[in-house]
Amino acid sequence: MEPVTIEDRRKELRALLDQIQARPSQDWVNERARIVVLQQMIAAHEQAHA
């Protein structure tokens, strides 16, 4: 198993945002929660490497 990279997290975030944009009327509660987590992880990474 390969470690998850920050780029993997960015790709996952982009995929989730694209899904929500494509079907905004659908219930995306779990996906929105994951988006928050991914955004926090990406922000922490960027802050640590700034």
Protein backbone atom coordinates (compact mmCIF):
# COMPACT_ATOMS: atom_id res chain seq x y z
CA MET A 1 0.00 0.00 0.00
CA GLU A 2 1.35 3.40 -0.97
CA PRO A 3 1.15 6.38 1.38
CA VAL A 4 -1.45 9.03 0.63
CA THR A 5 0.09 12.21 -0.72
CA ILE A 6 -1.19 15.75 -0.55
CA GLU A 7 -1.77 15.51 -4.30
CA ASP A 8 -4.05 12.51 -3.70
CA ARG A 9 -6.03 14.61 -1.24
CA ARG A 10 -6.30 17.47 -3.73
CA LYS A 11 -7.56 15.06 -6.40
CA GLU A 12 -10.13 13.61 -4.02
CA LEU A 13 -11.27 17.11 -3.07
CA ARG A 14 -11.61 18.11 -6.73
CA ALA A 15 -13.58 14.94 -7.51
CA LEU A 16 -16.00 15.56 -4.65
CA LEU A 17 -16.51 19.19 -5.63
CA ASP A 18 -17.15 18.14 -9.24
CA GLN A 19 -19.73 15.57 -8.12
CA ILE A 20 -21.58 18.12 -6.01
CA GLN A 21 -21.52 20.67 -8.81
CA ALA A 22 -22.89 18.11 -11.28
CA ARG A 23 -25.81 17.14 -9.01
CA PRO A 24 -26.40 19.96 -6.49
CA SER A 25 -29.87 18.77 -5.47
CA GLN A 26 -28.59 15.42 -4.21
CA ASP A 27 -27.92 14.81 -0.50
CA TRP A 28 -24.17 15.25 -0.06
CA VAL A 29 -23.88 15.34 3.75
CA ASN A 30 -21.07 12.78 4.03
CA GLU A 31 -19.22 14.20 1.06
CA ARG A 32 -19.42 17.74 2.43
CA ALA A 33 -18.00 16.54 5.74
CA ARG A 34 -15.14 14.88 3.87
CA ILE A 35 -14.53 18.10 1.93
CA VAL A 36 -14.09 19.99 5.19
CA VAL A 37 -11.57 17.41 6.41
CA LEU A 38 -9.65 17.48 3.13
CA GLN A 39 -9.55 21.28 3.11
CA GLN A 40 -8.19 21.29 6.66
CA MET A 41 -5.55 18.70 5.80
CA ILE A 42 -4.46 20.61 2.70
CA ALA A 43 -4.35 23.91 4.58
CA ALA A 44 -2.27 22.37 7.38
CA HIS A 45 0.15 20.92 4.83
CA GLU A 46 0.50 24.25 3.04
CA GLN A 47 1.03 26.11 6.30
CA ALA A 48 3.69 23.63 7.39
CA HIS A 49 5.51 23.98 4.08
CA ALA A 50 5.19 27.75 3.66
